[in-house]
Amino acid sequence: MEIPDDVVFTVEYSVRAAQMAVYEFLSIDRPIPPISHHDKSLHVQFEALVKAFK
């Protein structure tokens, strides 16, 4: 099962998937933390590019 709008290869995804499984298995009624959407602004992408070459 994939989690919509999430990135599969992150630790956050792994934790979210485990939480979802445990909460469902134990019938726990708590909200799962929201997915943090990464900033795709030009400024953030440029900063990431600069950091990649340091």
C-alpha atoms as a PDB file:
ATOM      1  CA  MET A   1       0.000   0.000   0.000  1.00  0.00           C
ATOM      2  CA  GLU A   2       1.323   3.440  -0.915  1.00  0.00           C
ATOM      3  CA  ILE A   3       0.470   6.624   0.928  1.00  0.00           C
ATOM      4  CA  PRO A   4      -0.894   9.229  -1.514  1.00  0.00           C
ATOM      5  CA  ASP A   5       1.119  12.467  -1.871  1.00  0.00           C
ATOM      6  CA  ASP A   6       4.085  11.094   0.104  1.00  0.00           C
ATOM      7  CA  VAL A   7       7.621  10.213  -0.983  1.00  0.00           C
ATOM      8  CA  VAL A   8       8.393   6.515  -0.546  1.00  0.00           C
ATOM      9  CA  PHE A   9      12.130   6.671   0.226  1.00  0.00           C
ATOM     10  CA  THR A  10      12.020   8.955   3.279  1.00  0.00           C
ATOM     11  CA  VAL A  11      12.161   8.076   6.964  1.00  0.00           C
ATOM     12  CA  GLU A  12       8.994  10.114   7.433  1.00  0.00           C
ATOM     13  CA  TYR A  13       7.175   7.770   5.023  1.00  0.00           C
ATOM     14  CA  SER A  14       8.380   4.707   6.932  1.00  0.00           C
ATOM     15  CA  VAL A  15       7.239   6.127  10.255  1.00  0.00           C
ATOM     16  CA  ARG A  16       3.877   7.174   8.811  1.00  0.00           C
ATOM     17  CA  ALA A  17       3.287   3.734   7.301  1.00  0.00           C
ATOM     18  CA  ALA A  18       4.133   2.039  10.612  1.00  0.00           C
ATOM     19  CA  GLN A  19       1.829   4.397  12.527  1.00  0.00           C
ATOM     20  CA  MET A  20      -1.002   3.722  10.114  1.00  0.00           C
ATOM     21  CA  ALA A  21      -0.542  -0.046  10.431  1.00  0.00           C
ATOM     22  CA  VAL A  22      -0.341  -0.042  14.235  1.00  0.00           C
ATOM     23  CA  TYR A  23      -3.257   2.362  14.634  1.00  0.00           C
ATOM     24  CA  GLU A  24      -5.409   0.239  12.347  1.00  0.00           C
ATOM     25  CA  PHE A  25      -4.343  -3.060  13.959  1.00  0.00           C
ATOM     26  CA  LEU A  26      -5.010  -1.809  17.506  1.00  0.00           C
ATOM     27  CA  SER A  27      -8.072   0.297  16.555  1.00  0.00           C
ATOM     28  CA  ILE A  28      -6.443   3.478  17.851  1.00  0.00           C
ATOM     29  CA  ASP A  29      -8.354   6.605  16.905  1.00  0.00           C
ATOM     30  CA  ARG A  30      -5.606   9.237  16.646  1.00  0.00           C
ATOM     31  CA  PRO A  31      -4.746  11.462  13.722  1.00  0.00           C
ATOM     32  CA  ILE A  32      -1.617  10.637  11.723  1.00  0.00           C
ATOM     33  CA  PRO A  33       0.694  13.688  11.440  1.00  0.00           C
ATOM     34  CA  PRO A  34       0.139  15.541   8.166  1.00  0.00           C
ATOM     35  CA  ILE A  35       2.456  15.097   5.201  1.00  0.00           C
ATOM     36  CA  SER A  36       4.900  17.959   4.979  1.00  0.00           C
ATOM     37  CA  HIS A  37       4.965  19.154   1.392  1.00  0.00           C
ATOM     38  CA  HIS A  38       8.395  20.334   0.400  1.00  0.00           C
ATOM     39  CA  ASP A  39       8.815  23.904  -0.770  1.00  0.00           C
ATOM     40  CA  LYS A  40       9.254  24.060  -4.539  1.00  0.00           C
ATOM     41  CA  SER A  41       9.947  27.777  -4.756  1.00  0.00           C
ATOM     42  CA  LEU A  42      12.814  28.922  -6.955  1.00  0.00           C
ATOM     43  CA  HIS A  43      14.669  30.341  -3.944  1.00  0.00           C
ATOM     44  CA  VAL A  44      14.600  27.032  -2.051  1.00  0.00           C
ATOM     45  CA  GLN A  45      15.648  25.048  -5.124  1.00  0.00           C
ATOM     46  CA  PHE A  46      18.557  27.417  -5.740  1.00  0.00           C
ATOM     47  CA  GLU A  47      19.710  27.131  -2.117  1.00  0.00           C
ATOM     48  CA  ALA A  48      19.583  23.341  -2.402  1.00  0.00           C
ATOM     49  CA  LEU A  49      21.681  23.468  -5.577  1.00  0.00           C
ATOM     50  CA  VAL A  50      24.279  25.682  -3.908  1.00  0.00           C
ATOM     51  CA  LYS A  51      24.473  23.369  -0.884  1.00  0.00           C
ATOM     52  CA  ALA A  52      24.823  20.331  -3.137  1.00  0.00           C
ATOM     53  CA  PHE A  53      28.095  21.696  -4.545  1.00  0.00           C
ATOM     54  CA  LYS A  54      29.683  22.694  -1.206  1.00  0.00           C
END
